[in-house]
Amino acid sequence: MAPFAHHLLTQAFNNAWANHRLLAHLFQHHLHHRGQAHAMLSANRVAPPQLDDFFCANDAPVRAAGVRALGFCEAAIWPVE
């Protein structure tokens, strides 16, 4: 980890308020990039894939075609334990 990033994280974890602000910033930054990805994918003629951060088991039928189109299968993503 870069020294500056390590310093920021150390300071954040030593201060509950800074920790709260750091997590809020990371969440907002993540949403920003997710929006960028969605905008870029939506600009094409091909429908964009589902960009959810997590997949629920009961959503498998809904996303099956998209997963197959990407060359994946549900078992490879979520192996049966």
N, C-alpha and C. Protein backbone atom coordinates (compact mmCIF):
# COMPACT_ATOMS: atom_id res chain seq x y z
N MET A 1 0.84 -1.17 0.00
CA MET A 1 0.00 0.00 0.00
C MET A 1 0.90 1.24 0.00
N ALA A 2 0.49 2.24 -0.74
CA ALA A 2 1.26 3.48 -0.82
C ALA A 2 1.33 4.13 0.56
N PRO A 3 2.47 4.75 0.89
CA PRO A 3 2.61 5.36 2.22
C PRO A 3 1.51 6.36 2.54
N PHE A 4 1.12 7.18 1.56
CA PHE A 4 0.09 8.18 1.82
C PHE A 4 -1.26 7.52 2.13
N ALA A 5 -1.60 6.49 1.35
CA ALA A 5 -2.86 5.78 1.60
C ALA A 5 -2.82 5.09 2.96
N HIS A 6 -1.68 4.51 3.30
CA HIS A 6 -1.54 3.87 4.61
C HIS A 6 -1.73 4.90 5.72
N HIS A 7 -1.15 6.07 5.55
CA HIS A 7 -1.29 7.15 6.54
C HIS A 7 -2.76 7.54 6.69
N LEU A 8 -3.45 7.72 5.56
CA LEU A 8 -4.87 8.10 5.62
C LEU A 8 -5.71 7.04 6.33
N LEU A 9 -5.48 5.78 5.99
CA LEU A 9 -6.25 4.72 6.62
C LEU A 9 -5.95 4.62 8.11
N THR A 10 -4.68 4.77 8.47
CA THR A 10 -4.31 4.73 9.89
C THR A 10 -5.00 5.85 10.65
N GLN A 11 -4.97 7.04 10.09
CA GLN A 11 -5.62 8.17 10.74
C GLN A 11 -7.14 7.94 10.84
N ALA A 12 -7.73 7.40 9.80
CA ALA A 12 -9.16 7.18 9.78
C ALA A 12 -9.59 6.17 10.84
N PHE A 13 -8.85 5.08 10.95
CA PHE A 13 -9.23 4.06 11.91
C PHE A 13 -8.94 4.49 13.35
N ASN A 14 -8.12 5.49 13.52
CA ASN A 14 -7.88 6.02 14.86
C ASN A 14 -8.90 7.06 15.26
N ASN A 15 -9.77 7.44 14.36
CA ASN A 15 -10.75 8.48 14.63
C ASN A 15 -12.09 8.03 14.06
N ALA A 16 -13.08 7.80 14.92
CA ALA A 16 -14.36 7.27 14.48
C ALA A 16 -15.04 8.19 13.48
N TRP A 17 -14.97 9.50 13.67
CA TRP A 17 -15.60 10.44 12.75
C TRP A 17 -14.93 10.38 11.38
N ALA A 18 -13.61 10.34 11.36
CA ALA A 18 -12.90 10.24 10.10
C ALA A 18 -13.21 8.92 9.41
N ASN A 19 -13.35 7.87 10.17
CA ASN A 19 -13.69 6.57 9.61
C ASN A 19 -15.05 6.63 8.92
N HIS A 20 -16.00 7.26 9.57
CA HIS A 20 -17.33 7.42 9.00
C HIS A 20 -17.27 8.21 7.69
N ARG A 21 -16.51 9.30 7.69
CA ARG A 21 -16.37 10.13 6.49
C ARG A 21 -15.64 9.38 5.38
N LEU A 22 -14.63 8.60 5.73
CA LEU A 22 -13.89 7.85 4.73
C LEU A 22 -14.79 6.83 4.05
N LEU A 23 -15.58 6.11 4.83
CA LEU A 23 -16.49 5.12 4.25
C LEU A 23 -17.54 5.79 3.37
N ALA A 24 -18.05 6.94 3.80
CA ALA A 24 -19.03 7.67 2.98
C ALA A 24 -18.39 8.10 1.66
N HIS A 25 -17.16 8.57 1.71
CA HIS A 25 -16.46 8.98 0.49
C HIS A 25 -16.25 7.79 -0.45
N LEU A 26 -15.81 6.66 0.09
CA LEU A 26 -15.57 5.48 -0.75
C LEU A 26 -16.86 5.01 -1.40
N PHE A 27 -17.96 5.07 -0.66
CA PHE A 27 -19.25 4.66 -1.22
C PHE A 27 -19.66 5.60 -2.35
N GLN A 28 -19.53 6.91 -2.13
CA GLN A 28 -19.89 7.86 -3.18
C GLN A 28 -18.99 7.71 -4.40
N HIS A 29 -17.71 7.48 -4.18
CA HIS A 29 -16.78 7.33 -5.29
C HIS A 29 -17.12 6.08 -6.10
N HIS A 30 -17.48 5.02 -5.40
CA HIS A 30 -17.90 3.79 -6.07
C HIS A 30 -19.13 4.05 -6.94
N LEU A 31 -20.10 4.79 -6.41
CA LEU A 31 -21.30 5.08 -7.18
C LEU A 31 -20.97 5.91 -8.42
N HIS A 32 -20.04 6.82 -8.28
CA HIS A 32 -19.61 7.65 -9.41
C HIS A 32 -19.09 6.76 -10.55
N HIS A 33 -18.20 5.84 -10.22
CA HIS A 33 -17.64 4.97 -11.26
C HIS A 33 -18.67 3.99 -11.80
N ARG A 34 -19.58 3.56 -10.95
CA ARG A 34 -20.63 2.67 -11.43
C ARG A 34 -21.51 3.41 -12.43
N GLY A 35 -21.80 4.67 -12.14
CA GLY A 35 -22.57 5.49 -13.08
C GLY A 35 -21.84 5.70 -14.39
N GLN A 36 -20.53 5.90 -14.32
CA GLN A 36 -19.74 6.05 -15.54
C GLN A 36 -19.81 4.77 -16.38
N ALA A 37 -19.66 3.63 -15.74
CA ALA A 37 -19.71 2.36 -16.46
C ALA A 37 -21.08 2.17 -17.10
N HIS A 38 -22.12 2.50 -16.37
CA HIS A 38 -23.48 2.35 -16.90
C HIS A 38 -23.68 3.27 -18.11
N ALA A 39 -23.22 4.51 -18.01
CA ALA A 39 -23.37 5.46 -19.12
C ALA A 39 -22.62 4.98 -20.36
N MET A 40 -21.41 4.48 -20.18
CA MET A 40 -20.62 4.01 -21.32
C MET A 40 -21.26 2.77 -21.95
N LEU A 41 -21.74 1.85 -21.13
CA LEU A 41 -22.36 0.65 -21.67
C LEU A 41 -23.71 0.95 -22.33
N SER A 42 -24.43 1.92 -21.79
CA SER A 42 -25.74 2.28 -22.35
C SER A 42 -25.62 3.01 -23.68
N ALA A 43 -24.47 3.57 -23.98
CA ALA A 43 -24.27 4.31 -25.23
C ALA A 43 -24.15 3.37 -26.43
N ASN A 44 -24.03 2.07 -26.20
CA ASN A 44 -23.91 1.11 -27.29
C ASN A 44 -25.28 0.60 -27.70
N ARG A 45 -25.32 -0.06 -28.85
CA ARG A 45 -26.58 -0.65 -29.31
C ARG A 45 -26.94 -1.90 -28.53
N VAL A 46 -25.94 -2.53 -27.90
CA VAL A 46 -26.16 -3.75 -27.13
C VAL A 46 -26.63 -3.37 -25.74
N ALA A 47 -27.65 -4.06 -25.25
CA ALA A 47 -28.15 -3.77 -23.90
C ALA A 47 -27.06 -4.06 -22.87
N PRO A 48 -26.87 -3.16 -21.90
CA PRO A 48 -25.82 -3.39 -20.89
C PRO A 48 -26.20 -4.54 -19.96
N PRO A 49 -25.18 -5.23 -19.42
CA PRO A 49 -25.47 -6.30 -18.47
C PRO A 49 -25.92 -5.72 -17.14
N GLN A 50 -26.45 -6.56 -16.31
CA GLN A 50 -26.84 -6.16 -14.97
C GLN A 50 -25.59 -5.74 -14.20
N LEU A 51 -25.63 -4.60 -13.54
CA LEU A 51 -24.46 -4.09 -12.83
C LEU A 51 -24.63 -4.12 -11.31
N ASP A 52 -25.55 -4.92 -10.83
CA ASP A 52 -25.74 -5.00 -9.38
C ASP A 52 -24.48 -5.52 -8.71
N ASP A 53 -24.25 -5.03 -7.51
CA ASP A 53 -23.06 -5.43 -6.76
C ASP A 53 -23.19 -6.81 -6.16
N PHE A 54 -24.39 -7.28 -5.99
CA PHE A 54 -24.59 -8.60 -5.41
C PHE A 54 -25.73 -9.28 -6.15
N PHE A 55 -25.73 -10.57 -6.10
CA PHE A 55 -26.75 -11.35 -6.77
C PHE A 55 -27.47 -12.21 -5.74
N CYS A 56 -28.77 -12.14 -5.75
CA CYS A 56 -29.59 -12.98 -4.87
C CYS A 56 -29.90 -14.28 -5.61
N ALA A 57 -30.00 -15.35 -4.88
CA ALA A 57 -30.27 -16.66 -5.49
C ALA A 57 -31.59 -16.64 -6.26
N ASN A 58 -32.59 -15.95 -5.75
CA ASN A 58 -33.89 -15.95 -6.43
C ASN A 58 -33.90 -15.09 -7.69
N ASP A 59 -32.81 -14.36 -7.97
CA ASP A 59 -32.71 -13.57 -9.20
C ASP A 59 -32.06 -14.36 -10.34
N ALA A 60 -31.62 -15.57 -10.09
CA ALA A 60 -30.90 -16.36 -11.10
C ALA A 60 -31.67 -16.48 -12.42
N PRO A 61 -32.98 -16.77 -12.40
CA PRO A 61 -33.69 -16.87 -13.69
C PRO A 61 -33.70 -15.56 -14.47
N VAL A 62 -33.73 -14.44 -13.77
CA VAL A 62 -33.79 -13.14 -14.43
C VAL A 62 -32.47 -12.81 -15.13
N ARG A 63 -31.37 -13.19 -14.52
CA ARG A 63 -30.06 -12.85 -15.08
C ARG A 63 -29.44 -13.96 -15.92
N ALA A 64 -30.13 -15.10 -16.07
CA ALA A 64 -29.55 -16.27 -16.76
C ALA A 64 -29.10 -15.94 -18.17
N ALA A 65 -29.92 -15.24 -18.94
CA ALA A 65 -29.55 -14.94 -20.33
C ALA A 65 -28.32 -14.03 -20.38
N GLY A 66 -28.27 -13.04 -19.52
CA GLY A 66 -27.13 -12.13 -19.49
C GLY A 66 -25.84 -12.83 -19.09
N VAL A 67 -25.93 -13.73 -18.13
CA VAL A 67 -24.76 -14.48 -17.67
C VAL A 67 -24.26 -15.38 -18.80
N ARG A 68 -25.18 -16.04 -19.50
CA ARG A 68 -24.79 -16.89 -20.64
C ARG A 68 -24.17 -16.06 -21.76
N ALA A 69 -24.73 -14.87 -22.03
CA ALA A 69 -24.21 -14.01 -23.10
C ALA A 69 -22.78 -13.56 -22.82
N LEU A 70 -22.44 -13.46 -21.54
CA LEU A 70 -21.08 -13.08 -21.16
C LEU A 70 -20.13 -14.27 -21.14
N GLY A 71 -20.66 -15.47 -21.37
CA GLY A 71 -19.83 -16.66 -21.41
C GLY A 71 -19.61 -17.30 -20.04
N PHE A 72 -20.44 -16.96 -19.08
CA PHE A 72 -20.32 -17.53 -17.74
C PHE A 72 -21.49 -18.45 -17.48
N CYS A 73 -21.40 -19.16 -16.38
CA CYS A 73 -22.54 -19.94 -15.92
C CYS A 73 -22.69 -19.71 -14.42
N GLU A 74 -23.88 -19.86 -13.95
CA GLU A 74 -24.19 -19.60 -12.53
C GLU A 74 -23.33 -20.46 -11.61
N ALA A 75 -23.10 -21.71 -11.98
CA ALA A 75 -22.31 -22.62 -11.14
C ALA A 75 -20.86 -22.16 -11.02
N ALA A 76 -20.34 -21.54 -12.07
CA ALA A 76 -18.95 -21.05 -12.01
C ALA A 76 -18.84 -19.82 -11.11
N ILE A 77 -19.91 -19.02 -11.07
CA ILE A 77 -19.90 -17.81 -10.24
C ILE A 77 -20.19 -18.15 -8.78
N TRP A 78 -21.19 -18.98 -8.57
CA TRP A 78 -21.60 -19.37 -7.22
C TRP A 78 -21.59 -20.88 -7.10
N PRO A 79 -20.42 -21.47 -6.88
CA PRO A 79 -20.37 -22.93 -6.76
C PRO A 79 -21.20 -23.44 -5.58
N VAL A 80 -21.79 -24.60 -5.77
CA VAL A 80 -22.57 -25.22 -4.70
C VAL A 80 -21.60 -25.68 -3.61
N GLU A 81 -21.91 -25.32 -2.39
CA GLU A 81 -21.03 -25.68 -1.27
C GLU A 81 -21.40 -27.00 -0.68
